[in-house]
C-alpha atoms as a PDB file:
ATOM      1  CA  UNK A   1      79.816 135.666 115.014  1.00  0.00           C
ATOM      2  CA  UNK A   2      78.492 138.593 116.370  1.00  0.00           C
ATOM      3  CA  UNK A   3      81.134 141.035 119.022  1.00  0.00           C
ATOM      4  CA  UNK A   4      78.861 139.712 121.623  1.00  0.00           C
ATOM      5  CA  UNK A   5      80.099 135.456 121.047  1.00  0.00           C
ATOM      6  CA  UNK A   6      83.031 136.014 122.654  1.00  0.00           C
ATOM      7  CA  UNK A   7      81.154 135.809 126.337  1.00  0.00           C
ATOM      8  CA  UNK A   8      81.491 139.674 126.439  1.00  0.00           C
ATOM      9  CA  UNK A   9      77.664 142.016 127.392  1.00  0.00           C
ATOM     10  CA  UNK A  10      77.685 145.040 125.505  1.00  0.00           C
ATOM     11  CA  UNK A  11      77.032 148.178 128.122  1.00  0.00           C
ATOM     12  CA  UNK A  12      74.061 150.058 128.100  1.00  0.00           C
ATOM     13  CA  UNK A  13      75.604 153.520 126.826  1.00  0.00           C
ATOM     14  CA  UNK A  14      79.226 154.190 127.455  1.00  0.00           C
ATOM     15  CA  UNK A  15      81.723 152.183 130.251  1.00  0.00           C
ATOM     16  CA  UNK A  16      83.186 154.959 132.504  1.00  0.00           C
ATOM     17  CA  UNK A  17      86.542 154.098 133.394  1.00  0.00           C
ATOM     18  CA  UNK A  18      88.434 155.637 136.364  1.00  0.00           C
ATOM     19  CA  UNK A  19      91.711 155.592 137.388  1.00  0.00           C
ATOM     20  CA  UNK A  20      92.646 155.982 140.127  1.00  0.00           C
ATOM     21  CA  UNK A  21      95.870 157.472 140.322  1.00  0.00           C
ATOM     22  CA  UNK A  22      97.699 161.247 140.310  1.00  0.00           C
ATOM     23  CA  UNK A  23     100.492 160.275 138.076  1.00  0.00           C
ATOM     24  CA  UNK A  24     100.224 162.513 134.743  1.00  0.00           C
ATOM     25  CA  UNK A  25     102.787 159.631 132.303  1.00  0.00           C
ATOM     26  CA  UNK A  26      99.071 156.645 133.303  1.00  0.00           C
ATOM     27  CA  UNK A  27      97.158 159.715 132.543  1.00  0.00           C
ATOM     28  CA  UNK A  28      98.727 160.628 129.130  1.00  0.00           C
ATOM     29  CA  UNK A  29      99.128 156.727 128.306  1.00  0.00           C
ATOM     30  CA  UNK A  30      95.532 156.913 128.160  1.00  0.00           C
ATOM     31  CA  UNK A  31      94.679 159.632 126.621  1.00  0.00           C
ATOM     32  CA  UNK A  32      96.754 158.381 122.960  1.00  0.00           C
ATOM     33  CA  UNK A  33      94.999 155.508 124.095  1.00  0.00           C
ATOM     34  CA  UNK A  34      91.944 157.300 123.284  1.00  0.00           C
ATOM     35  CA  UNK A  35      90.006 155.222 127.191  1.00  0.00           C
ATOM     36  CA  UNK A  36      87.535 159.123 128.143  1.00  0.00           C
ATOM     37  CA  UNK A  37      88.317 158.657 132.029  1.00  0.00           C
ATOM     38  CA  UNK A  38      88.182 161.212 135.187  1.00  0.00           C
ATOM     39  CA  UNK A  39      91.221 161.048 137.452  1.00  0.00           C
ATOM     40  CA  UNK A  40      89.938 160.054 141.536  1.00  0.00           C
ATOM     41  CA  UNK A  41      93.304 160.119 143.489  1.00  0.00           C
ATOM     42  CA  UNK A  42      93.124 157.847 146.536  1.00  0.00           C
ATOM     43  CA  UNK A  43      94.924 158.530 149.852  1.00  0.00           C
ATOM     44  CA  UNK A  44      96.578 154.912 150.922  1.00  0.00           C
ATOM     45  CA  UNK A  45      99.337 154.826 152.896  1.00  0.00           C
ATOM     46  CA  UNK A  46     102.118 152.895 150.375  1.00  0.00           C
ATOM     47  CA  UNK A  47     104.707 153.559 153.256  1.00  0.00           C
ATOM     48  CA  UNK A  48     103.129 151.992 155.925  1.00  0.00           C
ATOM     49  CA  UNK A  49     101.343 149.242 153.131  1.00  0.00           C
ATOM     50  CA  UNK A  50     104.875 148.094 152.321  1.00  0.00           C
ATOM     51  CA  UNK A  51     106.076 147.938 156.668  1.00  0.00           C
ATOM     52  CA  UNK A  52     103.157 146.098 157.455  1.00  0.00           C
ATOM     53  CA  UNK A  53     104.629 143.474 154.553  1.00  0.00           C
ATOM     54  CA  UNK A  54     107.982 143.574 154.692  1.00  0.00           C
ATOM     55  CA  UNK A  55     108.319 139.947 153.453  1.00  0.00           C
ATOM     56  CA  UNK A  56     106.158 140.950 150.505  1.00  0.00           C
ATOM     57  CA  UNK A  57     108.346 140.159 146.935  1.00  0.00           C
ATOM     58  CA  UNK A  58     108.539 143.335 144.870  1.00  0.00           C
ATOM     59  CA  UNK A  59     105.965 142.285 142.731  1.00  0.00           C
ATOM     60  CA  UNK A  60     103.770 141.011 145.358  1.00  0.00           C
ATOM     61  CA  UNK A  61     104.805 144.725 146.956  1.00  0.00           C
ATOM     62  CA  UNK A  62     103.124 146.462 143.486  1.00  0.00           C
ATOM     63  CA  UNK A  63      99.795 143.819 143.562  1.00  0.00           C
ATOM     64  CA  UNK A  64      99.579 144.750 147.655  1.00  0.00           C
ATOM     65  CA  UNK A  65      99.050 148.133 147.176  1.00  0.00           C
ATOM     66  CA  UNK A  66      97.627 148.296 143.247  1.00  0.00           C
ATOM     67  CA  UNK A  67      94.795 146.756 145.089  1.00  0.00           C
ATOM     68  CA  UNK A  68      94.623 148.810 147.838  1.00  0.00           C
ATOM     69  CA  UNK A  69      94.737 151.302 145.651  1.00  0.00           C
ATOM     70  CA  UNK A  70      92.319 150.816 143.544  1.00  0.00           C
ATOM     71  CA  UNK A  71      89.768 149.086 146.033  1.00  0.00           C
ATOM     72  CA  UNK A  72      89.888 153.022 148.208  1.00  0.00           C
ATOM     73  CA  UNK A  73      89.346 154.492 144.737  1.00  0.00           C
ATOM     74  CA  UNK A  74      86.040 151.886 144.241  1.00  0.00           C
ATOM     75  CA  UNK A  75      85.033 152.742 147.696  1.00  0.00           C
ATOM     76  CA  UNK A  76      84.282 156.647 147.312  1.00  0.00           C
ATOM     77  CA  UNK A  77      83.260 156.118 143.697  1.00  0.00           C
ATOM     78  CA  UNK A  78      81.151 153.781 144.675  1.00  0.00           C
ATOM     79  CA  UNK A  79      79.464 155.966 147.540  1.00  0.00           C
ATOM     80  CA  UNK A  80      79.194 158.973 145.106  1.00  0.00           C
ATOM     81  CA  UNK A  81      77.222 157.043 142.823  1.00  0.00           C
ATOM     82  CA  UNK A  82      77.609 155.949 139.365  1.00  0.00           C
ATOM     83  CA  UNK A  83      75.092 156.765 136.390  1.00  0.00           C
ATOM     84  CA  UNK A  84      76.015 153.549 134.612  1.00  0.00           C
ATOM     85  CA  UNK A  85      78.916 150.550 134.530  1.00  0.00           C
ATOM     86  CA  UNK A  86      82.145 152.042 135.880  1.00  0.00           C
ATOM     87  CA  UNK A  87      85.634 150.405 135.316  1.00  0.00           C
ATOM     88  CA  UNK A  88      88.547 151.696 138.218  1.00  0.00           C
ATOM     89  CA  UNK A  89      91.881 151.324 137.807  1.00  0.00           C
ATOM     90  CA  UNK A  90      94.523 151.290 140.857  1.00  0.00           C
ATOM     91  CA  UNK A  91      98.048 150.913 139.758  1.00  0.00           C
ATOM     92  CA  UNK A  92     101.143 151.018 141.742  1.00  0.00           C
ATOM     93  CA  UNK A  93     105.048 149.954 140.678  1.00  0.00           C
ATOM     94  CA  UNK A  94     108.291 149.345 142.401  1.00  0.00           C
ATOM     95  CA  UNK A  95     111.557 148.872 141.386  1.00  0.00           C
ATOM     96  CA  UNK A  96     113.504 145.978 141.899  1.00  0.00           C
ATOM     97  CA  UNK A  97     117.609 145.841 141.770  1.00  0.00           C
ATOM     98  CA  UNK A  98     119.760 143.563 142.790  1.00  0.00           C
ATOM     99  CA  UNK A  99     115.732 141.429 144.510  1.00  0.00           C
ATOM    100  CA  UNK A 100     115.924 144.902 147.168  1.00  0.00           C
ATOM    101  CA  UNK A 101     112.724 147.168 145.833  1.00  0.00           C
ATOM    102  CA  UNK A 102     112.618 150.883 145.475  1.00  0.00           C
ATOM    103  CA  UNK A 103     109.438 153.648 145.439  1.00  0.00           C
ATOM    104  CA  UNK A 104     109.371 156.136 144.694  1.00  0.00           C
ATOM    105  CA  UNK A 105     113.156 158.288 146.085  1.00  0.00           C
ATOM    106  CA  UNK A 106     111.736 161.198 146.597  1.00  0.00           C
ATOM    107  CA  UNK A 107     114.956 163.216 147.615  1.00  0.00           C
ATOM    108  CA  UNK A 108     117.290 164.405 145.259  1.00  0.00           C
ATOM    109  CA  UNK A 109     120.125 162.054 147.883  1.00  0.00           C
ATOM    110  CA  UNK A 110     118.246 159.188 147.881  1.00  0.00           C
ATOM    111  CA  UNK A 111     118.148 159.863 143.433  1.00  0.00           C
ATOM    112  CA  UNK A 112     121.468 160.163 143.425  1.00  0.00           C
ATOM    113  CA  UNK A 113     122.498 156.907 145.307  1.00  0.00           C
ATOM    114  CA  UNK A 114     120.186 155.444 143.589  1.00  0.00           C
ATOM    115  CA  UNK A 115     121.162 156.600 139.833  1.00  0.00           C
ATOM    116  CA  UNK A 116     125.629 155.453 141.496  1.00  0.00           C
ATOM    117  CA  UNK A 117     123.908 152.353 142.652  1.00  0.00           C
ATOM    118  CA  UNK A 118     121.635 151.188 138.808  1.00  0.00           C
ATOM    119  CA  UNK A 119     123.818 153.490 136.282  1.00  0.00           C
ATOM    120  CA  UNK A 120     125.382 150.683 133.630  1.00  0.00           C
ATOM    121  CA  UNK A 121     122.961 147.974 135.024  1.00  0.00           C
ATOM    122  CA  UNK A 122     119.779 145.921 134.366  1.00  0.00           C
ATOM    123  CA  UNK A 123     117.063 146.511 136.946  1.00  0.00           C
ATOM    124  CA  UNK A 124     113.235 145.227 136.769  1.00  0.00           C
ATOM    125  CA  UNK A 125     110.033 147.498 136.687  1.00  0.00           C
ATOM    126  CA  UNK A 126     107.098 145.590 138.307  1.00  0.00           C
ATOM    127  CA  UNK A 127     103.456 147.061 138.545  1.00  0.00           C
ATOM    128  CA  UNK A 128     100.589 146.148 139.715  1.00  0.00           C
ATOM    129  CA  UNK A 129      97.384 146.526 137.612  1.00  0.00           C
ATOM    130  CA  UNK A 130      94.130 145.921 139.365  1.00  0.00           C
ATOM    131  CA  UNK A 131      90.893 146.864 137.842  1.00  0.00           C
ATOM    132  CA  UNK A 132      87.396 146.659 139.359  1.00  0.00           C
ATOM    133  CA  UNK A 133      83.447 146.688 137.947  1.00  0.00           C
ATOM    134  CA  UNK A 134      81.078 149.212 139.696  1.00  0.00           C
ATOM    135  CA  UNK A 135      76.960 148.930 138.705  1.00  0.00           C
ATOM    136  CA  UNK A 136      74.865 151.287 139.680  1.00  0.00           C
ATOM    137  CA  UNK A 137      71.949 149.388 142.082  1.00  0.00           C
ATOM    138  CA  UNK A 138      74.599 147.201 143.028  1.00  0.00           C
ATOM    139  CA  UNK A 139      74.558 145.992 146.447  1.00  0.00           C
ATOM    140  CA  UNK A 140      76.823 144.427 149.323  1.00  0.00           C
ATOM    141  CA  UNK A 141      80.576 144.394 148.966  1.00  0.00           C
ATOM    142  CA  UNK A 142      81.794 146.716 146.885  1.00  0.00           C
ATOM    143  CA  UNK A 143      83.039 146.066 143.935  1.00  0.00           C
ATOM    144  CA  UNK A 144      80.655 144.118 141.327  1.00  0.00           C
ATOM    145  CA  UNK A 145      83.582 141.919 140.865  1.00  0.00           C
ATOM    146  CA  UNK A 146      87.104 142.794 140.056  1.00  0.00           C
ATOM    147  CA  UNK A 147      90.924 141.841 139.022  1.00  0.00           C
ATOM    148  CA  UNK A 148      94.066 142.094 139.490  1.00  0.00           C
ATOM    149  CA  UNK A 149      97.658 141.232 137.904  1.00  0.00           C
ATOM    150  CA  UNK A 150     101.896 141.915 138.090  1.00  0.00           C
ATOM    151  CA  UNK A 151     103.275 142.857 134.793  1.00  0.00           C
ATOM    152  CA  UNK A 152     107.123 142.174 134.490  1.00  0.00           C
ATOM    153  CA  UNK A 153     109.814 144.182 132.162  1.00  0.00           C
ATOM    154  CA  UNK A 154     113.426 144.702 132.435  1.00  0.00           C
ATOM    155  CA  UNK A 155     115.314 147.923 131.511  1.00  0.00           C
ATOM    156  CA  UNK A 156     118.944 148.854 131.157  1.00  0.00           C
ATOM    157  CA  UNK A 157     120.464 151.771 131.961  1.00  0.00           C
ATOM    158  CA  UNK A 158     123.201 153.634 130.671  1.00  0.00           C
ATOM    159  CA  UNK A 159     127.085 154.011 132.150  1.00  0.00           C
ATOM    160  CA  UNK A 160     126.686 157.366 132.692  1.00  0.00           C
ATOM    161  CA  UNK A 161     128.150 159.480 134.622  1.00  0.00           C
ATOM    162  CA  UNK A 162     128.177 161.449 138.141  1.00  0.00           C
ATOM    163  CA  UNK A 163     128.187 164.837 136.849  1.00  0.00           C
ATOM    164  CA  UNK A 164     124.704 163.450 133.986  1.00  0.00           C
ATOM    165  CA  UNK A 165     122.545 162.050 137.381  1.00  0.00           C
ATOM    166  CA  UNK A 166     122.997 164.949 139.075  1.00  0.00           C
ATOM    167  CA  UNK A 167     121.360 166.699 135.721  1.00  0.00           C
ATOM    168  CA  UNK A 168     118.960 164.221 136.120  1.00  0.00           C
ATOM    169  CA  UNK A 169     118.030 164.515 139.335  1.00  0.00           C
ATOM    170  CA  UNK A 170     118.033 168.076 139.065  1.00  0.00           C
ATOM    171  CA  UNK A 171     115.245 168.334 136.419  1.00  0.00           C
ATOM    172  CA  UNK A 172     112.814 167.122 139.714  1.00  0.00           C
ATOM    173  CA  UNK A 173     111.403 164.550 137.555  1.00  0.00           C
ATOM    174  CA  UNK A 174     112.923 160.397 139.283  1.00  0.00           C
ATOM    175  CA  UNK A 175     112.025 161.947 142.419  1.00  0.00           C
ATOM    176  CA  UNK A 176     107.971 161.233 142.113  1.00  0.00           C
ATOM    177  CA  UNK A 177     109.014 157.341 140.170  1.00  0.00           C
ATOM    178  CA  UNK A 178     109.809 153.986 141.372  1.00  0.00           C
ATOM    179  CA  UNK A 179     112.780 153.318 140.415  1.00  0.00           C
ATOM    180  CA  UNK A 180     114.173 157.796 140.187  1.00  0.00           C
ATOM    181  CA  UNK A 181     113.360 156.877 136.365  1.00  0.00           C
ATOM    182  CA  UNK A 182     111.165 157.389 133.444  1.00  0.00           C
ATOM    183  CA  UNK A 183     110.871 156.552 130.205  1.00  0.00           C
ATOM    184  CA  UNK A 184     108.641 159.352 129.007  1.00  0.00           C
ATOM    185  CA  UNK A 185     110.469 162.010 129.867  1.00  0.00           C
ATOM    186  CA  UNK A 186     113.625 163.147 130.223  1.00  0.00           C
ATOM    187  CA  UNK A 187     114.909 159.780 131.788  1.00  0.00           C
ATOM    188  CA  UNK A 188     114.311 158.704 128.173  1.00  0.00           C
ATOM    189  CA  UNK A 189     117.573 159.493 127.188  1.00  0.00           C
ATOM    190  CA  UNK A 190     119.573 157.148 130.346  1.00  0.00           C
ATOM    191  CA  UNK A 191     117.924 154.470 129.432  1.00  0.00           C
ATOM    192  CA  UNK A 192     119.171 151.633 126.971  1.00  0.00           C
ATOM    193  CA  UNK A 193     116.355 149.369 126.165  1.00  0.00           C
ATOM    194  CA  UNK A 194     113.597 147.452 128.462  1.00  0.00           C
ATOM    195  CA  UNK A 195     112.140 143.939 127.421  1.00  0.00           C
ATOM    196  CA  UNK A 196     108.358 144.321 128.297  1.00  0.00           C
ATOM    197  CA  UNK A 197     105.278 146.323 128.124  1.00  0.00           C
ATOM    198  CA  UNK A 198     107.155 149.450 128.004  1.00  0.00           C
ATOM    199  CA  UNK A 199     104.089 151.385 128.832  1.00  0.00           C
ATOM    200  CA  UNK A 200     103.437 148.559 131.673  1.00  0.00           C
ATOM    201  CA  UNK A 201     107.202 150.598 132.653  1.00  0.00           C
ATOM    202  CA  UNK A 202     105.039 153.909 132.672  1.00  0.00           C
ATOM    203  CA  UNK A 203     102.424 153.128 135.102  1.00  0.00           C
ATOM    204  CA  UNK A 204      99.517 151.370 133.487  1.00  0.00           C
ATOM    205  CA  UNK A 205     100.038 148.693 130.411  1.00  0.00           C
ATOM    206  CA  UNK A 206      96.631 149.273 128.418  1.00  0.00           C
ATOM    207  CA  UNK A 207      97.069 145.496 126.516  1.00  0.00           C
ATOM    208  CA  UNK A 208      96.409 144.242 130.334  1.00  0.00           C
ATOM    209  CA  UNK A 209      93.761 146.435 131.188  1.00  0.00           C
ATOM    210  CA  UNK A 210      91.868 144.402 127.693  1.00  0.00           C
ATOM    211  CA  UNK A 211      92.297 141.529 128.926  1.00  0.00           C
ATOM    212  CA  UNK A 212      91.204 142.597 132.548  1.00  0.00           C
ATOM    213  CA  UNK A 213      87.628 143.732 130.610  1.00  0.00           C
ATOM    214  CA  UNK A 214      87.351 140.365 128.905  1.00  0.00           C
ATOM    215  CA  UNK A 215      87.982 138.633 132.787  1.00  0.00           C
ATOM    216  CA  UNK A 216      85.360 140.775 133.596  1.00  0.00           C
ATOM    217  CA  UNK A 217      83.041 140.402 131.548  1.00  0.00           C
ATOM    218  CA  UNK A 218      83.855 143.517 129.420  1.00  0.00           C
ATOM    219  CA  UNK A 219      83.763 144.689 125.965  1.00  0.00           C
ATOM    220  CA  UNK A 220      87.242 146.857 125.877  1.00  0.00           C
ATOM    221  CA  UNK A 221      86.366 148.442 122.518  1.00  0.00           C
ATOM    222  CA  UNK A 222      83.247 150.212 124.648  1.00  0.00           C
ATOM    223  CA  UNK A 223      85.678 152.151 126.669  1.00  0.00           C
ATOM    224  CA  UNK A 224      87.061 154.107 123.327  1.00  0.00           C
ATOM    225  CA  UNK A 225      86.301 157.684 122.876  1.00  0.00           C
ATOM    226  CA  UNK A 226      85.087 157.033 118.490  1.00  0.00           C
ATOM    227  CA  UNK A 227      84.121 160.320 117.630  1.00  0.00           C
ATOM    228  CA  UNK A 228      86.680 161.893 115.826  1.00  0.00           C
ATOM    229  CA  UNK A 229      87.464 158.864 113.547  1.00  0.00           C
ATOM    230  CA  UNK A 230      86.494 158.267 110.048  1.00  0.00           C
ATOM    231  CA  UNK A 231      83.967 155.909 109.035  1.00  0.00           C
END
């Protein structure tokens, strides 16, 4: 069996990757996975989109936000022009506690309230992940092809005291994180366990990205940087 027998098409030249997010956690996931990329941040209004869909479940909201961000970035990348096959990835995360969706707290007092509610308890982090393929010379609708999914993971928080919560919030780390926490920074000390893909909890699932490449007819291996690997 040849490498292309799985139905995926090898790319002529390297498959380019565009991350539609300013998240340092998502960028670090791609770097660790040896996936070269460039960043193009969307200008989607998250709060307005959420307000327009009040009936959406937390998982549905995460997927809607990821799709909107991915399409926004794909349109802008296509307008700039692409030299070869280009994969655009858009992501967004929403934390669910007691059936209520929580995005980024932004303000310290909001983060404090979130932690008072979730300390010693288990919540669910939903990460929507959209992937779209751009091809040079394509006409009509953008993108050439697309796929999206939502990945969920349960997160158990330590039953930490008020002083610890205040100290954590004072780091500023949780203010721009869905659920007011991370597992790849200071917040790791306050998370007891994760049941699910830890990369998805950080914000981007590489395992899902591999599946999405196959769904788009691409070889995930074409994304890898193998320049420094020993033959």
